Amino acid sequence: MKKQRKFLVGGGTVAALVGYLMFTGMKDSMVYYHTPTELIAKTTQDPTYSDVGVKVGGRVVPGSVHFDQRSLDLRFTIVDIENAQTQFPVHYNGPLPDTFQEGRDVVIEGKMAATGTFEASTVLTKCGSRYEAGAEAYES
């Protein structure tokens, strides 16, 4: 009976440890991204929220992109896709993503500076293409 109890306690400890590691691993990898409207609301409500690194999804405003190829300095304005009235400038220093274009949806990661500019550490473009069957696909 003592051997069985030791086995159950040991198995329970291992199961708890594995569960803890799974939970913390998933918590670190699950990152929700805000819309520009949500980010502005959160930073207005709690100014210290701008110290937290966040992801923001939005659309690049056409005509706002300025990229210096020598210094890899990228500046553009992002706008909320659903609420086109909320927008703010973004600054990113790094290589331009291949599919980055004006009017394209992007996800940026970084922090909101006190100046109102979002200092991005990562810029990802969302794939705008979707498969849609052409008319010839319906012809037999």
Protein backbone atom coordinates (compact mmCIF):
# COMPACT_ATOMS: atom_id res chain seq x y z
CA MET A 1 0.00 0.00 0.00
CA LYS A 2 2.85 2.41 0.80
CA LYS A 3 4.39 1.78 -2.64
CA GLN A 4 1.09 2.66 -4.31
CA ARG A 5 0.75 5.87 -2.32
CA LYS A 6 4.29 6.99 -3.24
CA PHE A 7 3.53 6.25 -6.88
CA LEU A 8 0.29 8.30 -6.77
CA VAL A 9 1.98 11.23 -5.01
CA GLY A 10 4.86 11.16 -7.50
CA GLY A 11 2.49 10.89 -10.47
CA GLY A 12 0.34 13.72 -9.12
CA THR A 13 3.41 15.92 -8.66
CA VAL A 14 4.59 15.25 -12.23
CA ALA A 15 1.08 15.91 -13.61
CA ALA A 16 0.85 19.20 -11.68
CA LEU A 17 4.28 20.28 -12.93
CA VAL A 18 3.40 19.45 -16.55
CA GLY A 19 0.09 21.32 -16.19
CA TYR A 20 1.85 24.36 -14.75
CA LEU A 21 4.41 24.39 -17.56
CA MET A 22 1.67 24.06 -20.19
CA PHE A 23 -0.32 26.91 -18.66
CA THR A 24 2.62 29.30 -18.40
CA GLY A 25 3.82 28.39 -21.89
CA MET A 26 0.41 29.05 -23.41
CA LYS A 27 -0.04 32.26 -21.44
CA ASP A 28 3.23 33.66 -22.83
CA SER A 29 2.42 32.72 -26.41
CA MET A 30 -1.19 33.94 -26.41
CA VAL A 31 -1.06 37.62 -27.26
CA TYR A 32 -4.24 39.47 -28.10
CA TYR A 33 -3.90 42.48 -30.33
CA HIS A 34 -5.82 45.70 -29.84
CA THR A 35 -7.47 47.94 -32.37
CA PRO A 36 -6.20 51.55 -32.42
CA THR A 37 -9.45 52.63 -30.73
CA GLU A 38 -8.96 50.10 -27.90
CA LEU A 39 -5.33 51.14 -27.38
CA ILE A 40 -6.17 54.85 -27.20
CA ALA A 41 -9.01 54.09 -24.74
CA LYS A 42 -6.74 51.97 -22.53
CA THR A 43 -3.91 54.53 -22.47
CA THR A 44 -6.38 57.34 -21.75
CA GLN A 45 -7.89 55.35 -18.88
CA ASP A 46 -4.51 54.20 -17.52
CA PRO A 47 -1.44 56.19 -18.66
CA THR A 48 0.91 53.46 -17.36
CA TYR A 49 -0.59 51.08 -19.94
CA SER A 50 1.68 52.71 -22.53
CA ASP A 51 4.65 51.13 -20.71
CA VAL A 52 3.35 47.67 -21.58
CA GLY A 53 4.33 46.12 -24.90
CA VAL A 54 1.21 45.45 -26.97
CA LYS A 55 0.15 44.37 -30.45
CA VAL A 56 -2.13 46.61 -32.49
CA GLY A 57 -3.96 45.68 -35.68
CA GLY A 58 -5.03 48.31 -38.17
CA ARG A 59 -4.66 49.65 -41.71
CA VAL A 60 -1.83 51.75 -43.14
CA VAL A 61 -3.18 55.14 -44.19
CA PRO A 62 -2.48 55.76 -47.90
CA GLY A 63 -0.02 58.61 -48.44
CA SER A 64 1.41 58.41 -44.92
CA VAL A 65 4.34 56.05 -45.57
CA HIS A 66 7.87 57.50 -45.42
CA PHE A 67 10.75 55.00 -45.63
CA ASP A 68 14.45 55.84 -45.67
CA GLN A 69 16.31 52.89 -47.21
CA ARG A 70 19.67 53.99 -45.84
CA SER A 71 18.69 54.19 -42.19
CA LEU A 72 15.76 51.72 -42.46
CA ASP A 73 13.57 54.34 -40.78
CA LEU A 74 9.87 53.74 -41.45
CA ARG A 75 7.12 56.14 -40.46
CA PHE A 76 3.45 55.77 -41.27
CA THR A 77 0.02 56.32 -39.83
CA ILE A 78 -2.24 53.47 -38.76
CA VAL A 79 -6.03 53.75 -38.67
CA ASP A 80 -8.69 51.59 -37.05
CA ILE A 81 -10.29 49.37 -39.71
CA GLU A 82 -13.79 49.57 -38.16
CA ASN A 83 -13.61 53.13 -36.81
CA ALA A 84 -11.73 55.16 -39.42
CA GLN A 85 -11.57 58.17 -37.07
CA THR A 86 -9.00 56.71 -34.67
CA GLN A 87 -5.46 56.88 -35.99
CA PHE A 88 -1.94 57.55 -34.75
CA PRO A 89 1.61 57.73 -36.16
CA VAL A 90 3.91 54.72 -36.06
CA HIS A 91 7.72 54.70 -36.05
CA TYR A 92 9.67 51.54 -36.88
CA ASN A 93 13.37 51.09 -37.49
CA GLY A 94 14.18 47.92 -39.38
CA PRO A 95 13.76 46.15 -42.69
CA LEU A 96 10.51 46.77 -44.52
CA PRO A 97 8.32 43.64 -44.76
CA ASP A 98 8.04 42.44 -48.38
CA THR A 99 4.27 42.79 -48.57
CA PHE A 100 4.08 46.14 -46.75
CA GLN A 101 1.97 48.62 -48.76
CA GLU A 102 -0.23 51.62 -48.21
CA GLY A 103 -3.81 50.60 -47.50
CA ARG A 104 -2.79 47.13 -46.31
CA ASP A 105 -3.72 45.67 -42.92
CA VAL A 106 -0.83 45.35 -40.48
CA VAL A 107 -0.14 44.14 -36.95
CA ILE A 108 2.46 46.18 -35.09
CA GLU A 109 4.11 45.29 -31.81
CA GLY A 110 5.70 47.80 -29.45
CA LYS A 111 4.85 50.60 -27.05
CA MET A 112 2.96 53.88 -27.22
CA ALA A 113 5.36 56.76 -26.50
CA ALA A 114 4.37 59.80 -24.43
CA THR A 115 4.46 61.84 -27.65
CA GLY A 116 1.53 59.84 -29.07
CA THR A 117 3.69 57.95 -31.55
CA PHE A 118 3.65 54.16 -31.44
CA GLU A 119 7.25 52.91 -31.30
CA ALA A 120 7.07 49.57 -33.09
CA SER A 121 9.58 46.79 -32.57
CA THR A 122 7.86 44.53 -35.13
CA VAL A 123 5.71 45.21 -38.21
CA LEU A 124 3.79 42.31 -39.74
CA THR A 125 1.57 42.57 -42.78
CA LYS A 126 -1.60 40.57 -42.93
CA CYS A 127 -2.19 38.61 -46.09
CA GLY A 128 -4.95 40.38 -47.97
CA SER A 129 -5.40 37.70 -50.59
CA ARG A 130 -8.12 35.15 -50.22
CA TYR A 131 -8.84 32.30 -52.53
CA GLU A 132 -11.88 33.02 -54.58
CA ALA A 133 -12.81 30.71 -57.39
CA GLY A 134 -13.04 32.38 -60.75
CA ALA A 135 -15.88 31.91 -63.21
CA GLU A 136 -13.90 29.25 -65.07
CA ALA A 137 -13.88 27.07 -61.94
CA TYR A 138 -17.66 26.75 -62.18
CA GLU A 139 -17.68 25.77 -65.84
CA SER A 140 -17.65 22.05 -66.48
